[in-house]
Amino acid sequence: MTTPTPLPAWQLSDRELTEQLLASQRQQNTGYAWQLEVIREMEDRGVTPEGHPSTAVFLATAVHLTPREARTRVAQAVGNFSLTRKALTAGDLTAQHAAVIAECLASAPDWLTPEDYTVAEDTLVTLATQADATVVRRAATRLRTYWDHESTPPTDHADTSARPWREFRYHWTRGGRFHFTGNLDPDTGTLLEQLLVPLAAPDPADPSGT
């Protein structure tokens, strides 16, 4: 069975043009994901094309990439970015999205737990399915700033003359849940408790006692 030859663009209806535009982007995304998978397998096997010292050098030479872009693709292929690759394979992310996310996660601090790492990647991937790479880059910058802050030894917050020290962090999960954590001074904590505890109370019983 042969694959039908696509019609020339000028023969497509307006709706078909739109559909083909979106389909071609998804194909580009999935094609990039497949290239990363091939690079990953080459690296795992230690395959080095003859005459080239590394996969990155081969990419730069054969595909005419800049050395930096070639190294970036290899890093994306071999890095711990499973959620990113999954979304890319599904066609939901672009190569730009993947590059931004991989660059951010590559700078994750050593003290970050596997769970927190997964949450960070999930947050960026979810955002990437809804926004362009520039928006994701801004979020990645804020995330790195937070990591830098957490890496800084804490100061003594017992000084009552200083401004109260408060933190509030949140993200939307891919399942649509609102996840948040924080660290508040006593006064703010009491206020938040007064606001949230009533929301946690059970609903009143109905006439049947349920």
N, C-alpha and C. Protein backbone atom coordinates (compact mmCIF):
# COMPACT_ATOMS: atom_id res chain seq x y z
N MET A 1 0.85 -1.19 0.00
CA MET A 1 0.00 0.00 0.00
C MET A 1 0.88 1.24 0.00
N THR A 2 0.64 2.15 -0.92
CA THR A 2 1.46 3.35 -1.02
C THR A 2 0.79 4.52 -0.31
N THR A 3 1.61 5.40 0.18
CA THR A 3 1.09 6.59 0.85
C THR A 3 0.67 7.62 -0.19
N PRO A 4 -0.56 8.13 -0.09
CA PRO A 4 -1.00 9.10 -1.10
C PRO A 4 -0.15 10.36 -1.06
N THR A 5 0.10 10.90 -2.25
CA THR A 5 0.90 12.11 -2.34
C THR A 5 0.06 13.31 -1.93
N PRO A 6 0.56 14.14 -0.99
CA PRO A 6 -0.21 15.31 -0.57
C PRO A 6 -0.49 16.24 -1.74
N LEU A 7 -1.64 16.85 -1.70
CA LEU A 7 -1.99 17.82 -2.73
C LEU A 7 -1.13 19.06 -2.59
N PRO A 8 -0.86 19.75 -3.69
CA PRO A 8 -0.15 21.03 -3.58
C PRO A 8 -0.96 22.00 -2.70
N ALA A 9 -0.29 22.88 -2.01
CA ALA A 9 -0.97 23.79 -1.09
C ALA A 9 -2.03 24.62 -1.79
N TRP A 10 -1.79 24.98 -3.06
CA TRP A 10 -2.75 25.84 -3.74
C TRP A 10 -4.07 25.13 -4.05
N GLN A 11 -4.07 23.79 -3.94
CA GLN A 11 -5.30 23.04 -4.20
C GLN A 11 -6.11 22.78 -2.93
N LEU A 12 -5.59 23.17 -1.77
CA LEU A 12 -6.27 22.93 -0.50
C LEU A 12 -7.27 24.03 -0.21
N SER A 13 -8.34 23.65 0.49
CA SER A 13 -9.31 24.64 0.95
C SER A 13 -8.72 25.42 2.11
N ASP A 14 -9.40 26.50 2.53
CA ASP A 14 -8.91 27.29 3.65
C ASP A 14 -8.79 26.44 4.91
N ARG A 15 -9.78 25.61 5.16
CA ARG A 15 -9.75 24.75 6.35
C ARG A 15 -8.61 23.75 6.27
N GLU A 16 -8.44 23.17 5.07
CA GLU A 16 -7.36 22.19 4.91
C GLU A 16 -5.99 22.83 5.07
N LEU A 17 -5.84 24.07 4.65
CA LEU A 17 -4.57 24.77 4.85
C LEU A 17 -4.25 24.89 6.34
N THR A 18 -5.27 25.28 7.11
CA THR A 18 -5.08 25.41 8.56
C THR A 18 -4.72 24.07 9.19
N GLU A 19 -5.45 23.02 8.79
CA GLU A 19 -5.19 21.69 9.34
C GLU A 19 -3.78 21.22 8.99
N GLN A 20 -3.37 21.47 7.76
CA GLN A 20 -2.04 21.04 7.34
C GLN A 20 -0.93 21.82 8.04
N LEU A 21 -1.20 23.09 8.31
CA LEU A 21 -0.21 23.89 9.03
C LEU A 21 0.03 23.32 10.42
N LEU A 22 -1.05 23.01 11.14
CA LEU A 22 -0.93 22.45 12.48
C LEU A 22 -0.32 21.06 12.43
N ALA A 23 -0.73 20.26 11.45
CA ALA A 23 -0.20 18.91 11.33
C ALA A 23 1.30 18.92 11.03
N SER A 24 1.72 19.85 10.18
CA SER A 24 3.14 19.92 9.83
C SER A 24 3.99 20.31 11.04
N GLN A 25 3.43 21.16 11.91
CA GLN A 25 4.17 21.55 13.12
C GLN A 25 4.32 20.36 14.06
N ARG A 26 3.24 19.59 14.22
CA ARG A 26 3.32 18.41 15.07
C ARG A 26 4.31 17.40 14.50
N GLN A 27 4.34 17.26 13.18
CA GLN A 27 5.31 16.36 12.56
C GLN A 27 6.74 16.84 12.80
N GLN A 28 6.92 18.15 12.76
CA GLN A 28 8.24 18.71 13.03
C GLN A 28 8.66 18.41 14.48
N ASN A 29 7.69 18.55 15.39
CA ASN A 29 7.98 18.28 16.80
C ASN A 29 8.34 16.81 17.03
N THR A 30 7.52 15.92 16.47
CA THR A 30 7.78 14.49 16.65
C THR A 30 9.05 14.05 15.92
N GLY A 31 9.33 14.70 14.80
CA GLY A 31 10.58 14.40 14.09
C GLY A 31 11.80 14.77 14.92
N TYR A 32 11.71 15.89 15.62
CA TYR A 32 12.82 16.31 16.48
C TYR A 32 12.98 15.33 17.64
N ALA A 33 11.84 14.88 18.19
CA ALA A 33 11.89 13.91 19.29
C ALA A 33 12.57 12.61 18.83
N TRP A 34 12.27 12.18 17.60
CA TRP A 34 12.88 10.96 17.07
C TRP A 34 14.38 11.16 16.87
N GLN A 35 14.78 12.34 16.41
CA GLN A 35 16.21 12.59 16.25
C GLN A 35 16.93 12.50 17.60
N LEU A 36 16.32 13.04 18.64
CA LEU A 36 16.92 12.96 19.98
C LEU A 36 17.02 11.50 20.44
N GLU A 37 15.99 10.70 20.11
CA GLU A 37 16.01 9.29 20.48
C GLU A 37 17.16 8.57 19.77
N VAL A 38 17.38 8.89 18.50
CA VAL A 38 18.47 8.28 17.74
C VAL A 38 19.82 8.69 18.34
N ILE A 39 19.96 9.96 18.67
CA ILE A 39 21.20 10.45 19.28
C ILE A 39 21.45 9.75 20.60
N ARG A 40 20.39 9.59 21.39
CA ARG A 40 20.52 8.92 22.68
C ARG A 40 21.02 7.49 22.51
N GLU A 41 20.47 6.78 21.53
CA GLU A 41 20.88 5.40 21.29
C GLU A 41 22.33 5.35 20.81
N MET A 42 22.72 6.28 19.96
CA MET A 42 24.11 6.33 19.49
C MET A 42 25.06 6.55 20.66
N GLU A 43 24.68 7.44 21.56
CA GLU A 43 25.53 7.71 22.72
C GLU A 43 25.59 6.50 23.64
N ASP A 44 24.46 5.82 23.84
CA ASP A 44 24.44 4.64 24.70
C ASP A 44 25.32 3.53 24.13
N ARG A 45 25.30 3.38 22.80
CA ARG A 45 26.10 2.32 22.18
C ARG A 45 27.56 2.73 21.98
N GLY A 46 27.83 4.02 22.09
CA GLY A 46 29.18 4.49 21.82
C GLY A 46 29.48 4.54 20.34
N VAL A 47 28.42 4.69 19.53
CA VAL A 47 28.61 4.75 18.08
C VAL A 47 29.17 6.12 17.70
N THR A 48 30.29 6.11 17.01
CA THR A 48 30.90 7.35 16.52
C THR A 48 31.12 7.24 15.03
N PRO A 49 30.42 8.02 14.22
CA PRO A 49 30.62 7.95 12.76
C PRO A 49 32.09 8.11 12.40
N GLU A 50 32.53 7.33 11.46
CA GLU A 50 33.95 7.31 11.09
C GLU A 50 34.46 8.71 10.74
N GLY A 51 35.60 9.03 11.31
CA GLY A 51 36.23 10.31 11.04
C GLY A 51 35.77 11.44 11.93
N HIS A 52 34.88 11.13 12.91
CA HIS A 52 34.38 12.17 13.82
C HIS A 52 34.60 11.72 15.26
N PRO A 53 35.13 12.59 16.09
CA PRO A 53 35.43 12.21 17.47
C PRO A 53 34.21 12.08 18.37
N SER A 54 33.07 12.62 17.96
CA SER A 54 31.88 12.57 18.80
C SER A 54 30.64 12.75 17.95
N THR A 55 29.50 12.42 18.56
CA THR A 55 28.22 12.62 17.87
C THR A 55 27.98 14.09 17.59
N ALA A 56 28.35 14.94 18.54
CA ALA A 56 28.14 16.38 18.38
C ALA A 56 28.92 16.92 17.19
N VAL A 57 30.16 16.47 17.04
CA VAL A 57 30.98 16.93 15.92
C VAL A 57 30.39 16.42 14.61
N PHE A 58 29.89 15.18 14.61
CA PHE A 58 29.26 14.64 13.40
C PHE A 58 28.02 15.45 13.02
N LEU A 59 27.19 15.79 14.02
CA LEU A 59 26.00 16.59 13.75
C LEU A 59 26.38 17.95 13.14
N ALA A 60 27.37 18.58 13.76
CA ALA A 60 27.79 19.90 13.27
C ALA A 60 28.29 19.83 11.84
N THR A 61 28.96 18.72 11.51
CA THR A 61 29.53 18.58 10.16
C THR A 61 28.49 18.14 9.13
N ALA A 62 27.73 17.10 9.47
CA ALA A 62 26.82 16.50 8.50
C ALA A 62 25.53 17.28 8.32
N VAL A 63 25.03 17.89 9.41
CA VAL A 63 23.74 18.60 9.34
C VAL A 63 23.96 20.11 9.28
N HIS A 64 25.23 20.51 9.34
CA HIS A 64 25.58 21.93 9.27
C HIS A 64 24.98 22.74 10.43
N LEU A 65 25.06 22.14 11.63
CA LEU A 65 24.66 22.87 12.83
C LEU A 65 25.85 23.61 13.38
N THR A 66 25.58 24.63 14.18
CA THR A 66 26.68 25.25 14.90
C THR A 66 27.16 24.27 15.96
N PRO A 67 28.41 24.32 16.36
CA PRO A 67 28.88 23.40 17.40
C PRO A 67 28.05 23.50 18.68
N ARG A 68 27.61 24.71 19.02
CA ARG A 68 26.79 24.88 20.23
C ARG A 68 25.46 24.17 20.09
N GLU A 69 24.79 24.31 18.95
CA GLU A 69 23.50 23.65 18.75
C GLU A 69 23.67 22.14 18.74
N ALA A 70 24.74 21.66 18.15
CA ALA A 70 24.99 20.22 18.13
C ALA A 70 25.17 19.68 19.55
N ARG A 71 25.95 20.39 20.36
CA ARG A 71 26.14 19.96 21.76
C ARG A 71 24.83 20.03 22.53
N THR A 72 24.01 21.03 22.23
CA THR A 72 22.72 21.19 22.91
C THR A 72 21.82 19.99 22.63
N ARG A 73 21.79 19.55 21.38
CA ARG A 73 20.94 18.41 21.03
C ARG A 73 21.40 17.12 21.71
N VAL A 74 22.69 16.94 21.77
CA VAL A 74 23.21 15.76 22.46
C VAL A 74 22.86 15.81 23.93
N ALA A 75 22.97 16.99 24.55
CA ALA A 75 22.65 17.15 25.97
C ALA A 75 21.17 16.86 26.21
N GLN A 76 20.31 17.32 25.31
CA GLN A 76 18.88 17.05 25.44
C GLN A 76 18.59 15.56 25.31
N ALA A 77 19.33 14.90 24.42
CA ALA A 77 19.09 13.49 24.17
C ALA A 77 19.48 12.61 25.34
N VAL A 78 20.58 12.93 26.00
CA VAL A 78 21.09 12.05 27.05
C VAL A 78 20.69 12.49 28.45
N GLY A 79 20.11 13.69 28.59
CA GLY A 79 19.76 14.21 29.90
C GLY A 79 18.52 13.55 30.49
N ASN A 80 18.29 13.84 31.76
CA ASN A 80 17.13 13.29 32.48
C ASN A 80 15.93 14.20 32.27
N PHE A 81 15.34 14.11 31.08
CA PHE A 81 14.22 14.97 30.72
C PHE A 81 13.08 14.12 30.16
N SER A 82 12.67 13.10 30.90
CA SER A 82 11.70 12.13 30.39
C SER A 82 10.35 12.77 30.07
N LEU A 83 9.87 13.67 30.92
CA LEU A 83 8.57 14.30 30.68
C LEU A 83 8.63 15.20 29.45
N THR A 84 9.76 15.87 29.29
CA THR A 84 9.93 16.74 28.12
C THR A 84 9.93 15.93 26.84
N ARG A 85 10.68 14.83 26.83
CA ARG A 85 10.73 14.00 25.63
C ARG A 85 9.37 13.37 25.33
N LYS A 86 8.63 13.01 26.37
CA LYS A 86 7.31 12.41 26.17
C LYS A 86 6.37 13.41 25.50
N ALA A 87 6.37 14.65 25.97
CA ALA A 87 5.51 15.68 25.39
C ALA A 87 5.97 16.04 23.98
N LEU A 88 7.29 16.02 23.77
CA LEU A 88 7.82 16.32 22.45
C LEU A 88 7.44 15.22 21.47
N THR A 89 7.52 13.97 21.90
CA THR A 89 7.14 12.84 21.05
C THR A 89 5.66 12.89 20.69
N ALA A 90 4.84 13.40 21.61
CA ALA A 90 3.41 13.52 21.34
C ALA A 90 3.10 14.69 20.42
N GLY A 91 4.13 15.51 20.14
CA GLY A 91 3.93 16.65 19.26
C GLY A 91 3.46 17.89 19.98
N ASP A 92 3.44 17.86 21.33
CA ASP A 92 2.90 18.98 22.09
C ASP A 92 3.90 20.10 22.35
N LEU A 93 5.21 19.82 22.16
CA LEU A 93 6.24 20.82 22.39
C LEU A 93 7.04 21.04 21.12
N THR A 94 7.63 22.22 21.01
CA THR A 94 8.54 22.49 19.90
C THR A 94 9.98 22.27 20.37
N ALA A 95 10.88 22.28 19.42
CA ALA A 95 12.30 22.15 19.76
C ALA A 95 12.75 23.30 20.64
N GLN A 96 12.19 24.49 20.44
CA GLN A 96 12.54 25.64 21.28
C GLN A 96 12.13 25.40 22.72
N HIS A 97 10.91 24.88 22.91
CA HIS A 97 10.45 24.57 24.26
C HIS A 97 11.42 23.59 24.93
N ALA A 98 11.74 22.52 24.20
CA ALA A 98 12.60 21.49 24.76
C ALA A 98 13.96 22.05 25.16
N ALA A 99 14.50 22.95 24.34
CA ALA A 99 15.81 23.54 24.63
C ALA A 99 15.76 24.37 25.91
N VAL A 100 14.70 25.16 26.08
CA VAL A 100 14.58 26.01 27.27
C VAL A 100 14.45 25.16 28.52
N ILE A 101 13.60 24.13 28.46
CA ILE A 101 13.39 23.28 29.62
C ILE A 101 14.66 22.52 29.98
N ALA A 102 15.32 21.96 28.98
CA ALA A 102 16.55 21.21 29.24
C ALA A 102 17.63 22.09 29.83
N GLU A 103 17.76 23.30 29.32
CA GLU A 103 18.76 24.23 29.83
C GLU A 103 18.50 24.56 31.30
N CYS A 104 17.22 24.76 31.63
CA CYS A 104 16.88 25.06 33.03
C CYS A 104 17.17 23.88 33.94
N LEU A 105 16.70 22.70 33.57
CA LEU A 105 16.86 21.53 34.43
C LEU A 105 18.32 21.10 34.55
N ALA A 106 19.12 21.41 33.54
CA ALA A 106 20.55 21.08 33.62
C ALA A 106 21.24 21.85 34.73
N SER A 107 20.64 22.98 35.13
CA SER A 107 21.23 23.80 36.20
C SER A 107 20.59 23.52 37.55
N ALA A 108 19.78 22.47 37.63
CA ALA A 108 19.14 22.12 38.90
C ALA A 108 20.20 21.82 39.95
N PRO A 109 20.04 22.33 41.17
CA PRO A 109 21.05 22.11 42.22
C PRO A 109 21.09 20.66 42.68
N ASP A 110 22.21 20.26 43.24
CA ASP A 110 22.39 18.89 43.68
C ASP A 110 21.43 18.51 44.82
N TRP A 111 21.04 19.51 45.62
CA TRP A 111 20.19 19.19 46.77
C TRP A 111 18.72 18.97 46.40
N LEU A 112 18.36 19.21 45.15
CA LEU A 112 16.97 19.04 44.73
C LEU A 112 16.60 17.56 44.76
N THR A 113 15.50 17.23 45.40
CA THR A 113 15.07 15.84 45.48
C THR A 113 14.51 15.38 44.13
N PRO A 114 14.51 14.08 43.87
CA PRO A 114 13.91 13.59 42.62
C PRO A 114 12.46 14.03 42.46
N GLU A 115 11.73 14.07 43.56
CA GLU A 115 10.32 14.49 43.49
C GLU A 115 10.21 15.95 43.08
N ASP A 116 11.04 16.81 43.69
CA ASP A 116 11.01 18.23 43.35
C ASP A 116 11.47 18.45 41.91
N TYR A 117 12.43 17.66 41.47
CA TYR A 117 12.91 17.76 40.08
C TYR A 117 11.77 17.43 39.12
N THR A 118 11.03 16.37 39.43
CA THR A 118 9.91 15.98 38.58
C THR A 118 8.83 17.05 38.56
N VAL A 119 8.56 17.63 39.73
CA VAL A 119 7.56 18.71 39.81
C VAL A 119 7.99 19.90 38.96
N ALA A 120 9.28 20.24 39.04
CA ALA A 120 9.79 21.37 38.26
C ALA A 120 9.65 21.09 36.76
N GLU A 121 10.03 19.89 36.33
CA GLU A 121 9.91 19.57 34.90
C GLU A 121 8.45 19.55 34.48
N ASP A 122 7.60 18.95 35.30
CA ASP A 122 6.18 18.88 34.98
C ASP A 122 5.58 20.28 34.84
N THR A 123 5.98 21.20 35.73
CA THR A 123 5.48 22.57 35.68
C THR A 123 5.88 23.25 34.37
N LEU A 124 7.14 23.11 34.00
CA LEU A 124 7.62 23.74 32.77
C LEU A 124 6.99 23.12 31.53
N VAL A 125 6.84 21.81 31.53
CA VAL A 125 6.23 21.14 30.37
C VAL A 125 4.77 21.54 30.23
N THR A 126 4.06 21.59 31.34
CA THR A 126 2.65 22.00 31.30
C THR A 126 2.53 23.41 30.75
N LEU A 127 3.38 24.30 31.21
CA LEU A 127 3.36 25.68 30.71
C LEU A 127 3.69 25.71 29.23
N ALA A 128 4.63 24.89 28.82
CA ALA A 128 5.06 24.89 27.41
C ALA A 128 3.96 24.44 26.47
N THR A 129 3.02 23.63 26.96
CA THR A 129 1.91 23.20 26.11
C THR A 129 0.87 24.31 25.95
N GLN A 130 1.05 25.41 26.71
CA GLN A 130 0.07 26.48 26.68
C GLN A 130 0.65 27.83 26.25
N ALA A 131 1.96 27.93 26.19
CA ALA A 131 2.59 29.23 25.91
C ALA A 131 3.82 29.03 25.05
N ASP A 132 4.34 30.16 24.52
CA ASP A 132 5.52 30.06 23.67
C ASP A 132 6.79 29.96 24.52
N ALA A 133 7.90 29.74 23.84
CA ALA A 133 9.17 29.48 24.53
C ALA A 133 9.64 30.67 25.34
N THR A 134 9.27 31.89 24.94
CA THR A 134 9.68 33.07 25.71
C THR A 134 9.05 33.07 27.09
N VAL A 135 7.78 32.72 27.17
CA VAL A 135 7.08 32.65 28.45
C VAL A 135 7.70 31.56 29.32
N VAL A 136 8.00 30.42 28.71
CA VAL A 136 8.61 29.32 29.46
C VAL A 136 9.99 29.72 29.97
N ARG A 137 10.72 30.48 29.17
CA ARG A 137 12.05 30.93 29.60
C ARG A 137 11.95 31.84 30.83
N ARG A 138 10.94 32.70 30.85
CA ARG A 138 10.77 33.58 32.02
C ARG A 138 10.46 32.75 33.26
N ALA A 139 9.62 31.73 33.10
CA ALA A 139 9.31 30.86 34.23
C ALA A 139 10.55 30.09 34.68
N ALA A 140 11.36 29.66 33.73
CA ALA A 140 12.59 28.94 34.06
C ALA A 140 13.56 29.85 34.81
N THR A 141 13.60 31.11 34.42
CA THR A 141 14.47 32.08 35.11
C THR A 141 14.02 32.25 36.55
N ARG A 142 12.71 32.35 36.76
CA ARG A 142 12.20 32.48 38.14
C ARG A 142 12.51 31.23 38.95
N LEU A 143 12.41 30.07 38.31
CA LEU A 143 12.71 28.82 39.01
C LEU A 143 14.17 28.76 39.42
N ARG A 144 15.07 29.16 38.54
CA ARG A 144 16.50 29.17 38.89
C ARG A 144 16.78 30.18 40.00
N THR A 145 16.09 31.31 39.98
CA THR A 145 16.25 32.30 41.04
C THR A 145 15.84 31.72 42.38
N TYR A 146 14.75 30.96 42.37
CA TYR A 146 14.30 30.30 43.60
C TYR A 146 15.33 29.30 44.08
N TRP A 147 15.88 28.50 43.16
CA TRP A 147 16.90 27.53 43.54
C TRP A 147 18.12 28.24 44.14
N ASP A 148 18.51 29.35 43.54
CA ASP A 148 19.66 30.10 44.06
C ASP A 148 19.36 30.61 45.46
N HIS A 149 18.13 31.07 45.66
CA HIS A 149 17.73 31.57 46.97
C HIS A 149 17.78 30.46 48.02
N GLU A 150 17.26 29.29 47.63
CA GLU A 150 17.25 28.17 48.57
C GLU A 150 18.66 27.65 48.86
N SER A 151 19.58 27.88 47.92
CA SER A 151 20.95 27.43 48.11
C SER A 151 21.74 28.36 49.03
N THR A 152 21.21 29.58 49.24
CA THR A 152 21.88 30.55 50.07
C THR A 152 21.62 30.25 51.54
N PRO A 153 22.67 30.18 52.39
CA PRO A 153 22.46 29.90 53.81
C PRO A 153 21.48 30.90 54.40
N PRO A 154 20.49 30.42 55.17
CA PRO A 154 19.48 31.33 55.73
C PRO A 154 20.09 32.28 56.76
N THR A 155 19.52 33.46 56.83
CA THR A 155 19.94 34.43 57.84
C THR A 155 19.06 34.26 59.06
N ASP A 156 19.43 34.92 60.13
CA ASP A 156 18.66 34.83 61.36
C ASP A 156 17.40 35.68 61.22
N HIS A 157 16.25 35.02 61.22
CA HIS A 157 14.99 35.73 61.05
C HIS A 157 14.35 36.07 62.40
N ALA A 158 15.09 35.92 63.48
CA ALA A 158 14.53 36.19 64.79
C ALA A 158 14.48 37.68 65.09
N ASP A 159 15.17 38.48 64.34
CA ASP A 159 15.19 39.92 64.56
C ASP A 159 13.82 40.51 64.25
N THR A 160 13.08 40.91 65.27
CA THR A 160 11.72 41.41 65.09
C THR A 160 11.70 42.77 64.42
N SER A 161 12.82 43.46 64.34
CA SER A 161 12.85 44.76 63.70
C SER A 161 12.95 44.62 62.18
N ALA A 162 13.31 43.40 61.71
CA ALA A 162 13.46 43.18 60.27
C ALA A 162 12.09 42.91 59.66
N ARG A 163 12.03 43.05 58.35
CA ARG A 163 10.80 42.76 57.63
C ARG A 163 10.48 41.27 57.75
N PRO A 164 9.19 40.89 58.01
CA PRO A 164 8.83 39.47 58.13
C PRO A 164 9.27 38.69 56.90
N TRP A 165 9.77 37.49 57.14
CA TRP A 165 10.27 36.63 56.06
C TRP A 165 9.15 35.68 55.66
N ARG A 166 8.72 35.76 54.41
CA ARG A 166 7.61 34.94 53.94
C ARG A 166 7.93 34.37 52.57
N GLU A 167 7.47 33.15 52.33
CA GLU A 167 7.62 32.51 51.03
C GLU A 167 6.29 31.85 50.66
N PHE A 168 5.94 31.92 49.39
CA PHE A 168 4.76 31.22 48.89
C PHE A 168 5.06 30.73 47.49
N ARG A 169 5.01 29.41 47.29
CA ARG A 169 5.33 28.83 46.00
C ARG A 169 4.16 27.97 45.56
N TYR A 170 3.82 28.02 44.27
CA TYR A 170 2.71 27.23 43.78
C TYR A 170 2.92 26.86 42.32
N HIS A 171 2.18 25.86 41.88
CA HIS A 171 2.15 25.51 40.47
C HIS A 171 0.89 24.71 40.18
N TRP A 172 0.45 24.74 38.93
CA TRP A 172 -0.67 23.92 38.48
C TRP A 172 -0.11 22.61 37.94
N THR A 173 -0.63 21.49 38.41
CA THR A 173 -0.18 20.19 37.92
C THR A 173 -0.85 19.89 36.59
N ARG A 174 -0.34 18.90 35.89
CA ARG A 174 -0.93 18.52 34.60
C ARG A 174 -2.34 17.97 34.78
N GLY A 175 -2.64 17.50 36.00
CA GLY A 175 -3.99 17.01 36.27
C GLY A 175 -4.96 18.10 36.66
N GLY A 176 -4.50 19.34 36.66
CA GLY A 176 -5.38 20.46 36.97
C GLY A 176 -5.49 20.80 38.44
N ARG A 177 -4.59 20.24 39.26
CA ARG A 177 -4.60 20.54 40.70
C ARG A 177 -3.69 21.72 40.98
N PHE A 178 -4.05 22.49 42.01
CA PHE A 178 -3.26 23.65 42.43
C PHE A 178 -2.43 23.23 43.63
N HIS A 179 -1.11 23.10 43.43
CA HIS A 179 -0.21 22.64 44.48
C HIS A 179 0.58 23.83 45.02
N PHE A 180 0.64 23.96 46.35
CA PHE A 180 1.38 25.09 46.91
C PHE A 180 2.08 24.70 48.21
N THR A 181 3.18 25.39 48.49
CA THR A 181 3.93 25.25 49.74
C THR A 181 4.38 26.64 50.16
N GLY A 182 4.83 26.77 51.38
CA GLY A 182 5.27 28.09 51.81
C GLY A 182 5.91 28.07 53.18
N ASN A 183 6.35 29.23 53.58
CA ASN A 183 6.97 29.42 54.89
C ASN A 183 6.62 30.82 55.35
N LEU A 184 5.82 30.93 56.42
CA LEU A 184 5.27 32.23 56.82
C LEU A 184 5.67 32.58 58.25
N ASP A 185 5.68 33.87 58.52
CA ASP A 185 5.90 34.34 59.88
C ASP A 185 4.63 34.05 60.69
N PRO A 186 4.69 34.09 62.02
CA PRO A 186 3.54 33.71 62.85
C PRO A 186 2.27 34.49 62.55
N ASP A 187 2.37 35.79 62.38
CA ASP A 187 1.16 36.60 62.15
C ASP A 187 0.48 36.23 60.84
N THR A 188 1.30 36.11 59.77
CA THR A 188 0.73 35.75 58.48
C THR A 188 0.20 34.32 58.50
N GLY A 189 0.90 33.43 59.22
CA GLY A 189 0.44 32.06 59.32
C GLY A 189 -0.91 31.96 60.00
N THR A 190 -1.10 32.75 61.05
CA THR A 190 -2.38 32.76 61.75
C THR A 190 -3.50 33.26 60.83
N LEU A 191 -3.20 34.30 60.06
CA LEU A 191 -4.19 34.84 59.14
C LEU A 191 -4.57 33.81 58.08
N LEU A 192 -3.56 33.14 57.52
CA LEU A 192 -3.83 32.14 56.49
C LEU A 192 -4.63 30.97 57.07
N GLU A 193 -4.30 30.60 58.29
CA GLU A 193 -5.04 29.53 58.94
C GLU A 193 -6.52 29.89 59.08
N GLN A 194 -6.78 31.14 59.48
CA GLN A 194 -8.16 31.58 59.63
C GLN A 194 -8.91 31.58 58.30
N LEU A 195 -8.17 31.82 57.21
CA LEU A 195 -8.80 31.85 55.89
C LEU A 195 -9.06 30.46 55.33
N LEU A 196 -8.10 29.54 55.54
CA LEU A 196 -8.18 28.24 54.88
C LEU A 196 -8.89 27.16 55.69
N VAL A 197 -8.77 27.19 57.00
CA VAL A 197 -9.37 26.13 57.80
C VAL A 197 -10.88 26.00 57.56
N PRO A 198 -11.62 27.14 57.47
CA PRO A 198 -13.06 26.99 57.18
C PRO A 198 -13.34 26.27 55.86
N LEU A 199 -12.43 26.42 54.88
CA LEU A 199 -12.62 25.76 53.59
C LEU A 199 -12.43 24.25 53.70
N ALA A 200 -11.72 23.81 54.74
CA ALA A 200 -11.46 22.39 54.91
C ALA A 200 -12.53 21.69 55.71
N ALA A 201 -13.50 22.47 56.26
CA ALA A 201 -14.55 21.86 57.06
C ALA A 201 -15.48 21.03 56.18
N PRO A 202 -16.04 19.95 56.71
CA PRO A 202 -16.96 19.13 55.89
C PRO A 202 -18.24 19.87 55.56
N ASP A 203 -18.87 19.50 54.47
CA ASP A 203 -20.14 20.10 54.12
C ASP A 203 -21.19 19.72 55.16
N PRO A 204 -22.18 20.59 55.43
CA PRO A 204 -23.23 20.24 56.39
C PRO A 204 -24.05 19.06 55.92
N ALA A 205 -24.60 18.33 56.87
CA ALA A 205 -25.39 17.14 56.53
C ALA A 205 -26.65 17.52 55.79
N ASP A 206 -27.04 16.67 54.86
CA ASP A 206 -28.31 16.90 54.14
C ASP A 206 -29.46 16.38 54.98
N PRO A 207 -30.71 16.54 54.55
CA PRO A 207 -31.87 16.10 55.36
C PRO A 207 -31.84 14.63 55.73
N SER A 208 -31.16 13.81 54.92
CA SER A 208 -31.11 12.37 55.25
C SER A 208 -29.99 12.03 56.22
N GLY A 209 -29.20 13.08 56.60
CA GLY A 209 -28.13 12.84 57.56
C GLY A 209 -26.79 12.54 56.92
N THR A 210 -26.71 12.53 55.58
CA THR A 210 -25.45 12.26 54.88
C THR A 210 -24.56 13.50 54.89
